[in-house]
Amino acid sequence: MGDNIIDRHAEDDADVFVLKWSSIMKLSEIFNEKPERWGFRGDPYFWDYLREKAEYMDIITAQQLQQWISEEYQLLSGKPLTDEYMDFAVIEQFKHGGMSSGGVDNTWWMEEGIPLLIGRLNALTEVSATGCVEVNDIVDK
C-alpha cells in the first residue's frame, strides 16, 4: 500500500492516510446500501449480481454506468432494458420461489434504481475531485 499513500499524519489516537482515489475505490461502493423498496422480487438479486461484478470495476461515468447495467440486463434476460410501463423480464437465476420470483422490473430500474446509483456515483466522484480520499486507520496504542 506504500505506493498509494500520498500523505500520512497523526490525528488524535488515529493514523490518517490520504490514499490515491483510484487505488481503493471500486464501483461496488455505490451498491453497498440497498434501497428500502423494490419493483419485483428479482430486483434485489439483480442488484446483488451487479454489486458482485462491480467489485472488480473502477469508477466509471454515469453514462457508462447506465450502459453497463443495460448490457448486463440484456445479457441475462435476452431483452433490452426499456422504460415501457409494466415491462419486465423473468431471469431464471433469480428465481427463488413465489409468484413473481425472478421478475426484474424495468420501470423500477429506469425510474428509481439507475437514478439512485447515478446519484451515488456523482457523490463519489465529487469527493474524488482532488484525486484523494482520507481513510482513518485506528491504531492500538
N, C-alpha and C. Protein backbone atom coordinates (compact mmCIF):
# COMPACT_ATOMS: atom_id res chain seq x y z
N MET A 1 0.82 -1.19 0.00
CA MET A 1 0.00 0.00 0.00
C MET A 1 0.86 1.25 0.00
N GLY A 2 2.13 1.14 0.26
CA GLY A 2 3.02 2.27 0.36
C GLY A 2 3.02 3.18 -0.85
N ASP A 3 2.99 2.63 -2.07
CA ASP A 3 3.00 3.43 -3.29
C ASP A 3 1.72 4.23 -3.46
N ASN A 4 0.66 3.83 -2.80
CA ASN A 4 -0.61 4.52 -2.94
C ASN A 4 -0.82 5.61 -1.90
N ILE A 5 0.08 5.70 -0.91
CA ILE A 5 -0.07 6.71 0.13
C ILE A 5 0.55 8.01 -0.35
N ILE A 6 -0.25 9.08 -0.32
CA ILE A 6 0.24 10.40 -0.71
C ILE A 6 0.75 11.13 0.52
N ASP A 7 0.06 10.99 1.64
CA ASP A 7 0.44 11.70 2.85
C ASP A 7 0.01 10.87 4.05
N ARG A 8 0.74 10.98 5.13
CA ARG A 8 0.38 10.29 6.37
C ARG A 8 0.62 11.25 7.51
N HIS A 9 -0.37 11.39 8.39
CA HIS A 9 -0.18 12.24 9.56
C HIS A 9 -1.00 11.69 10.72
N ALA A 10 -0.61 12.08 11.92
CA ALA A 10 -1.30 11.61 13.12
C ALA A 10 -2.41 12.58 13.47
N GLU A 11 -3.52 12.03 13.91
CA GLU A 11 -4.67 12.84 14.31
C GLU A 11 -5.28 12.18 15.53
N ASP A 12 -5.17 12.81 16.70
CA ASP A 12 -5.61 12.25 17.96
C ASP A 12 -5.00 10.86 18.15
N ASP A 13 -5.83 9.83 18.32
CA ASP A 13 -5.33 8.47 18.52
C ASP A 13 -5.37 7.66 17.23
N ALA A 14 -5.41 8.32 16.09
CA ALA A 14 -5.53 7.59 14.83
C ALA A 14 -4.44 8.04 13.86
N ASP A 15 -4.00 7.14 13.02
CA ASP A 15 -3.17 7.50 11.89
C ASP A 15 -4.12 7.74 10.73
N VAL A 16 -3.95 8.84 10.03
CA VAL A 16 -4.78 9.15 8.88
C VAL A 16 -3.92 9.01 7.64
N PHE A 17 -4.37 8.20 6.72
CA PHE A 17 -3.67 8.01 5.46
C PHE A 17 -4.49 8.67 4.37
N VAL A 18 -3.86 9.46 3.52
CA VAL A 18 -4.51 10.02 2.35
C VAL A 18 -4.06 9.16 1.18
N LEU A 19 -5.02 8.47 0.57
CA LEU A 19 -4.71 7.49 -0.46
C LEU A 19 -5.16 7.97 -1.82
N LYS A 20 -4.47 7.52 -2.86
CA LYS A 20 -4.90 7.81 -4.21
C LYS A 20 -6.28 7.20 -4.42
N TRP A 21 -7.21 7.98 -4.92
CA TRP A 21 -8.60 7.56 -5.11
C TRP A 21 -8.71 6.27 -5.91
N SER A 22 -8.03 6.19 -7.02
CA SER A 22 -8.19 5.04 -7.91
C SER A 22 -7.65 3.76 -7.30
N SER A 23 -6.82 3.87 -6.29
CA SER A 23 -6.22 2.67 -5.72
C SER A 23 -7.13 1.97 -4.73
N ILE A 24 -8.19 2.64 -4.27
CA ILE A 24 -9.03 1.99 -3.26
C ILE A 24 -10.50 1.90 -3.62
N MET A 25 -11.02 2.80 -4.43
CA MET A 25 -12.45 2.82 -4.71
C MET A 25 -12.80 1.95 -5.91
N LYS A 26 -13.82 1.17 -5.73
CA LYS A 26 -14.36 0.36 -6.81
C LYS A 26 -15.82 0.73 -7.00
N LEU A 27 -16.35 0.42 -8.15
CA LEU A 27 -17.73 0.76 -8.48
C LEU A 27 -18.73 0.15 -7.49
N SER A 28 -18.37 -0.95 -6.88
CA SER A 28 -19.28 -1.63 -5.95
C SER A 28 -19.68 -0.74 -4.77
N GLU A 29 -18.92 0.33 -4.50
CA GLU A 29 -19.25 1.25 -3.40
C GLU A 29 -20.68 1.79 -3.52
N ILE A 30 -21.14 2.02 -4.74
CA ILE A 30 -22.46 2.62 -4.91
C ILE A 30 -23.59 1.62 -4.66
N PHE A 31 -23.25 0.34 -4.55
CA PHE A 31 -24.26 -0.71 -4.31
C PHE A 31 -24.33 -1.13 -2.85
N ASN A 32 -23.48 -0.57 -2.00
CA ASN A 32 -23.39 -1.05 -0.61
C ASN A 32 -24.69 -0.95 0.16
N GLU A 33 -25.38 0.15 0.05
CA GLU A 33 -26.65 0.32 0.78
C GLU A 33 -27.80 0.01 -0.17
N LYS A 34 -28.59 -0.99 0.19
CA LYS A 34 -29.71 -1.40 -0.66
C LYS A 34 -30.90 -0.45 -0.47
N PRO A 35 -31.68 -0.26 -1.52
CA PRO A 35 -32.90 0.55 -1.41
C PRO A 35 -33.90 -0.09 -0.44
N GLU A 36 -34.78 0.73 0.10
CA GLU A 36 -35.79 0.23 1.03
C GLU A 36 -36.92 -0.51 0.32
N ARG A 37 -37.19 -0.15 -0.93
CA ARG A 37 -38.25 -0.84 -1.66
C ARG A 37 -37.77 -1.18 -3.06
N TRP A 38 -38.42 -2.18 -3.63
CA TRP A 38 -38.06 -2.70 -4.94
C TRP A 38 -39.29 -2.75 -5.83
N GLY A 39 -39.09 -3.04 -7.11
CA GLY A 39 -40.20 -3.25 -8.02
C GLY A 39 -40.72 -4.67 -7.90
N PHE A 40 -39.93 -5.65 -8.34
CA PHE A 40 -40.31 -7.06 -8.29
C PHE A 40 -39.31 -7.86 -7.45
N ARG A 41 -39.66 -9.11 -7.20
CA ARG A 41 -38.85 -9.96 -6.33
C ARG A 41 -37.43 -10.22 -6.84
N GLY A 42 -37.24 -10.15 -8.14
CA GLY A 42 -35.91 -10.40 -8.70
C GLY A 42 -34.98 -9.20 -8.64
N ASP A 43 -35.53 -8.02 -8.35
CA ASP A 43 -34.70 -6.81 -8.34
C ASP A 43 -33.56 -6.86 -7.33
N PRO A 44 -33.77 -7.32 -6.10
CA PRO A 44 -32.63 -7.39 -5.16
C PRO A 44 -31.55 -8.37 -5.63
N TYR A 45 -31.95 -9.41 -6.33
CA TYR A 45 -30.96 -10.37 -6.84
C TYR A 45 -30.16 -9.76 -8.00
N PHE A 46 -30.82 -8.96 -8.83
CA PHE A 46 -30.12 -8.27 -9.91
C PHE A 46 -29.15 -7.25 -9.31
N TRP A 47 -29.58 -6.56 -8.27
CA TRP A 47 -28.73 -5.59 -7.55
C TRP A 47 -27.47 -6.30 -7.03
N ASP A 48 -27.68 -7.43 -6.36
CA ASP A 48 -26.53 -8.19 -5.82
C ASP A 48 -25.61 -8.69 -6.93
N TYR A 49 -26.20 -9.11 -8.03
CA TYR A 49 -25.43 -9.57 -9.19
C TYR A 49 -24.54 -8.43 -9.69
N LEU A 50 -25.11 -7.24 -9.84
CA LEU A 50 -24.35 -6.09 -10.31
C LEU A 50 -23.27 -5.70 -9.30
N ARG A 51 -23.62 -5.71 -8.02
CA ARG A 51 -22.63 -5.36 -6.98
C ARG A 51 -21.44 -6.30 -7.02
N GLU A 52 -21.71 -7.57 -7.18
CA GLU A 52 -20.63 -8.56 -7.22
C GLU A 52 -19.70 -8.31 -8.42
N LYS A 53 -20.27 -8.04 -9.58
CA LYS A 53 -19.45 -7.75 -10.77
C LYS A 53 -18.69 -6.44 -10.60
N ALA A 54 -19.30 -5.47 -9.93
CA ALA A 54 -18.69 -4.14 -9.76
C ALA A 54 -17.52 -4.13 -8.77
N GLU A 55 -17.37 -5.19 -7.99
CA GLU A 55 -16.27 -5.26 -7.04
C GLU A 55 -14.91 -5.17 -7.73
N TYR A 56 -14.85 -5.52 -8.98
CA TYR A 56 -13.58 -5.53 -9.72
C TYR A 56 -13.49 -4.40 -10.74
N MET A 57 -14.47 -3.50 -10.70
CA MET A 57 -14.52 -2.42 -11.68
C MET A 57 -14.12 -1.10 -11.04
N ASP A 58 -13.35 -0.32 -11.79
CA ASP A 58 -13.01 1.03 -11.34
C ASP A 58 -14.23 1.93 -11.52
N ILE A 59 -14.17 3.10 -10.93
CA ILE A 59 -15.24 4.09 -11.05
C ILE A 59 -15.38 4.47 -12.53
N ILE A 60 -16.63 4.56 -13.01
CA ILE A 60 -16.92 4.92 -14.40
C ILE A 60 -17.85 6.13 -14.42
N THR A 61 -18.17 6.62 -15.60
CA THR A 61 -19.08 7.77 -15.71
C THR A 61 -20.53 7.31 -15.54
N ALA A 62 -21.41 8.27 -15.33
CA ALA A 62 -22.83 7.96 -15.19
C ALA A 62 -23.38 7.32 -16.47
N GLN A 63 -22.96 7.81 -17.62
CA GLN A 63 -23.42 7.25 -18.89
C GLN A 63 -22.92 5.81 -19.05
N GLN A 64 -21.67 5.57 -18.68
CA GLN A 64 -21.12 4.22 -18.75
C GLN A 64 -21.84 3.28 -17.78
N LEU A 65 -22.21 3.80 -16.61
CA LEU A 65 -22.94 3.00 -15.62
C LEU A 65 -24.28 2.56 -16.19
N GLN A 66 -25.03 3.49 -16.76
CA GLN A 66 -26.34 3.16 -17.32
C GLN A 66 -26.19 2.15 -18.47
N GLN A 67 -25.20 2.34 -19.30
CA GLN A 67 -24.96 1.41 -20.40
C GLN A 67 -24.58 0.03 -19.88
N TRP A 68 -23.72 -0.03 -18.87
CA TRP A 68 -23.30 -1.30 -18.29
C TRP A 68 -24.48 -2.06 -17.69
N ILE A 69 -25.33 -1.37 -16.92
CA ILE A 69 -26.50 -2.02 -16.32
C ILE A 69 -27.42 -2.55 -17.42
N SER A 70 -27.64 -1.74 -18.45
CA SER A 70 -28.49 -2.17 -19.58
C SER A 70 -27.91 -3.40 -20.28
N GLU A 71 -26.60 -3.42 -20.46
CA GLU A 71 -25.96 -4.57 -21.11
C GLU A 71 -26.06 -5.83 -20.26
N GLU A 72 -25.88 -5.70 -18.96
CA GLU A 72 -26.00 -6.86 -18.07
C GLU A 72 -27.43 -7.38 -18.05
N TYR A 73 -28.40 -6.47 -18.05
CA TYR A 73 -29.81 -6.85 -18.09
C TYR A 73 -30.10 -7.64 -19.35
N GLN A 74 -29.64 -7.12 -20.49
CA GLN A 74 -29.90 -7.80 -21.76
C GLN A 74 -29.18 -9.15 -21.82
N LEU A 75 -27.99 -9.21 -21.29
CA LEU A 75 -27.24 -10.47 -21.26
C LEU A 75 -28.01 -11.54 -20.49
N LEU A 76 -28.59 -11.17 -19.35
CA LEU A 76 -29.31 -12.12 -18.50
C LEU A 76 -30.72 -12.44 -19.00
N SER A 77 -31.39 -11.43 -19.54
CA SER A 77 -32.81 -11.59 -19.89
C SER A 77 -33.07 -11.86 -21.36
N GLY A 78 -32.12 -11.47 -22.20
CA GLY A 78 -32.32 -11.61 -23.63
C GLY A 78 -33.16 -10.49 -24.24
N LYS A 79 -33.45 -9.46 -23.47
CA LYS A 79 -34.25 -8.34 -23.99
C LYS A 79 -33.68 -7.03 -23.47
N PRO A 80 -33.95 -5.93 -24.16
CA PRO A 80 -33.41 -4.63 -23.74
C PRO A 80 -34.11 -4.10 -22.50
N LEU A 81 -33.38 -3.31 -21.74
CA LEU A 81 -33.93 -2.60 -20.58
C LEU A 81 -34.58 -1.33 -21.10
N THR A 82 -35.92 -1.27 -20.99
CA THR A 82 -36.66 -0.11 -21.50
C THR A 82 -37.42 0.55 -20.36
N ASP A 83 -37.97 1.72 -20.66
CA ASP A 83 -38.79 2.40 -19.65
C ASP A 83 -40.28 2.24 -19.93
N GLU A 84 -40.64 1.24 -20.73
CA GLU A 84 -42.06 0.98 -21.02
C GLU A 84 -42.77 0.50 -19.76
N TYR A 85 -43.95 1.06 -19.53
CA TYR A 85 -44.73 0.72 -18.34
C TYR A 85 -45.03 -0.77 -18.31
N MET A 86 -44.82 -1.38 -17.17
CA MET A 86 -45.07 -2.80 -16.90
C MET A 86 -44.21 -3.74 -17.73
N ASP A 87 -43.10 -3.26 -18.26
CA ASP A 87 -42.17 -4.14 -18.96
C ASP A 87 -41.25 -4.76 -17.91
N PHE A 88 -41.04 -6.04 -18.01
CA PHE A 88 -40.17 -6.73 -17.07
C PHE A 88 -39.64 -8.00 -17.71
N ALA A 89 -38.68 -8.60 -17.05
CA ALA A 89 -38.13 -9.88 -17.51
C ALA A 89 -38.08 -10.82 -16.33
N VAL A 90 -38.24 -12.10 -16.62
CA VAL A 90 -38.05 -13.13 -15.59
C VAL A 90 -36.69 -13.76 -15.87
N ILE A 91 -35.81 -13.65 -14.90
CA ILE A 91 -34.45 -14.16 -15.04
C ILE A 91 -34.32 -15.42 -14.19
N GLU A 92 -34.06 -16.52 -14.87
CA GLU A 92 -34.05 -17.85 -14.22
C GLU A 92 -33.17 -17.91 -12.98
N GLN A 93 -31.97 -17.37 -13.05
CA GLN A 93 -31.05 -17.49 -11.91
C GLN A 93 -31.50 -16.69 -10.70
N PHE A 94 -32.49 -15.81 -10.86
CA PHE A 94 -33.02 -15.03 -9.74
C PHE A 94 -34.31 -15.60 -9.18
N LYS A 95 -34.76 -16.75 -9.71
CA LYS A 95 -35.98 -17.39 -9.20
C LYS A 95 -35.68 -18.10 -7.89
N HIS A 96 -36.43 -17.74 -6.86
CA HIS A 96 -36.26 -18.34 -5.55
C HIS A 96 -37.60 -18.64 -4.89
N GLY A 97 -38.62 -18.86 -5.68
CA GLY A 97 -39.94 -19.20 -5.16
C GLY A 97 -40.87 -18.01 -5.10
N GLY A 98 -42.14 -18.28 -5.25
CA GLY A 98 -43.15 -17.22 -5.21
C GLY A 98 -43.64 -16.89 -6.60
N MET A 99 -44.79 -16.24 -6.66
CA MET A 99 -45.47 -15.99 -7.92
C MET A 99 -44.66 -15.10 -8.87
N SER A 100 -44.02 -14.05 -8.35
CA SER A 100 -43.27 -13.14 -9.24
C SER A 100 -41.76 -13.37 -9.10
N SER A 101 -41.40 -14.56 -8.67
CA SER A 101 -40.00 -14.89 -8.45
C SER A 101 -39.18 -14.72 -9.72
N GLY A 102 -38.04 -14.07 -9.60
CA GLY A 102 -37.14 -13.86 -10.71
C GLY A 102 -37.49 -12.67 -11.58
N GLY A 103 -38.61 -12.02 -11.30
CA GLY A 103 -39.02 -10.86 -12.10
C GLY A 103 -38.16 -9.65 -11.80
N VAL A 104 -37.66 -9.01 -12.84
CA VAL A 104 -36.89 -7.77 -12.71
C VAL A 104 -37.69 -6.68 -13.41
N ASP A 105 -38.02 -5.65 -12.66
CA ASP A 105 -38.92 -4.59 -13.10
C ASP A 105 -38.18 -3.47 -13.83
N ASN A 106 -38.37 -3.41 -15.16
CA ASN A 106 -37.71 -2.36 -15.95
C ASN A 106 -38.03 -0.97 -15.44
N THR A 107 -39.30 -0.73 -15.15
CA THR A 107 -39.72 0.61 -14.72
C THR A 107 -38.99 1.02 -13.45
N TRP A 108 -38.88 0.09 -12.49
CA TRP A 108 -38.18 0.42 -11.25
C TRP A 108 -36.71 0.76 -11.53
N TRP A 109 -36.06 -0.03 -12.38
CA TRP A 109 -34.65 0.22 -12.67
C TRP A 109 -34.47 1.55 -13.40
N MET A 110 -35.33 1.85 -14.36
CA MET A 110 -35.19 3.08 -15.13
C MET A 110 -35.56 4.33 -14.34
N GLU A 111 -36.57 4.21 -13.46
CA GLU A 111 -37.05 5.39 -12.74
C GLU A 111 -36.46 5.54 -11.34
N GLU A 112 -36.02 4.46 -10.72
CA GLU A 112 -35.52 4.54 -9.36
C GLU A 112 -34.11 3.97 -9.18
N GLY A 113 -33.90 2.74 -9.62
CA GLY A 113 -32.62 2.07 -9.38
C GLY A 113 -31.44 2.76 -10.02
N ILE A 114 -31.51 2.98 -11.33
CA ILE A 114 -30.39 3.62 -12.03
C ILE A 114 -30.20 5.07 -11.57
N PRO A 115 -31.26 5.89 -11.45
CA PRO A 115 -31.04 7.25 -10.93
C PRO A 115 -30.42 7.26 -9.52
N LEU A 116 -30.82 6.33 -8.66
CA LEU A 116 -30.23 6.23 -7.33
C LEU A 116 -28.73 5.95 -7.43
N LEU A 117 -28.36 4.99 -8.27
CA LEU A 117 -26.95 4.63 -8.43
C LEU A 117 -26.15 5.77 -9.07
N ILE A 118 -26.73 6.47 -10.02
CA ILE A 118 -26.06 7.61 -10.63
C ILE A 118 -25.84 8.72 -9.60
N GLY A 119 -26.83 8.96 -8.75
CA GLY A 119 -26.67 9.95 -7.68
C GLY A 119 -25.53 9.59 -6.74
N ARG A 120 -25.45 8.33 -6.39
CA ARG A 120 -24.36 7.88 -5.52
C ARG A 120 -23.02 7.98 -6.23
N LEU A 121 -22.98 7.64 -7.51
CA LEU A 121 -21.76 7.74 -8.30
C LEU A 121 -21.30 9.19 -8.37
N ASN A 122 -22.23 10.10 -8.63
CA ASN A 122 -21.90 11.53 -8.69
C ASN A 122 -21.35 12.02 -7.36
N ALA A 123 -21.93 11.56 -6.26
CA ALA A 123 -21.44 11.96 -4.94
C ALA A 123 -20.01 11.45 -4.72
N LEU A 124 -19.74 10.23 -5.15
CA LEU A 124 -18.39 9.67 -5.02
C LEU A 124 -17.39 10.44 -5.88
N THR A 125 -17.77 10.77 -7.09
CA THR A 125 -16.83 11.46 -7.97
C THR A 125 -16.59 12.89 -7.53
N GLU A 126 -17.55 13.52 -6.84
CA GLU A 126 -17.33 14.84 -6.25
C GLU A 126 -16.26 14.76 -5.18
N VAL A 127 -16.33 13.74 -4.35
CA VAL A 127 -15.33 13.55 -3.29
C VAL A 127 -13.96 13.34 -3.91
N SER A 128 -13.94 12.70 -5.07
CA SER A 128 -12.66 12.35 -5.70
C SER A 128 -12.09 13.48 -6.56
N ALA A 129 -12.71 14.65 -6.56
CA ALA A 129 -12.24 15.73 -7.41
C ALA A 129 -10.76 16.05 -7.18
N THR A 130 -10.29 15.84 -5.97
CA THR A 130 -8.88 16.08 -5.68
C THR A 130 -8.02 14.88 -6.02
N GLY A 131 -8.67 13.75 -6.33
CA GLY A 131 -7.92 12.54 -6.63
C GLY A 131 -7.54 11.76 -5.39
N CYS A 132 -8.01 12.21 -4.22
CA CYS A 132 -7.62 11.58 -2.96
C CYS A 132 -8.82 11.43 -2.04
N VAL A 133 -8.69 10.54 -1.11
CA VAL A 133 -9.69 10.35 -0.07
C VAL A 133 -8.96 10.02 1.22
N GLU A 134 -9.45 10.53 2.34
CA GLU A 134 -8.83 10.22 3.62
C GLU A 134 -9.43 8.96 4.20
N VAL A 135 -8.59 8.10 4.71
CA VAL A 135 -9.03 6.87 5.34
C VAL A 135 -8.43 6.84 6.74
N ASN A 136 -9.27 6.79 7.75
CA ASN A 136 -8.77 6.70 9.13
C ASN A 136 -8.40 5.27 9.46
N ASP A 137 -7.22 5.10 9.97
CA ASP A 137 -6.74 3.79 10.35
C ASP A 137 -6.45 3.84 11.84
N ILE A 138 -7.37 3.36 12.66
CA ILE A 138 -7.20 3.38 14.11
C ILE A 138 -6.12 2.39 14.50
N VAL A 139 -5.14 2.88 15.23
CA VAL A 139 -4.02 2.06 15.64
C VAL A 139 -4.10 1.86 17.14
N ASP A 140 -4.02 0.60 17.59
CA ASP A 140 -3.99 0.34 19.03
C ASP A 140 -2.75 0.97 19.62
N LYS A 141 -2.94 1.71 20.66
CA LYS A 141 -1.79 2.38 21.32
C LYS A 141 -1.61 1.86 22.72
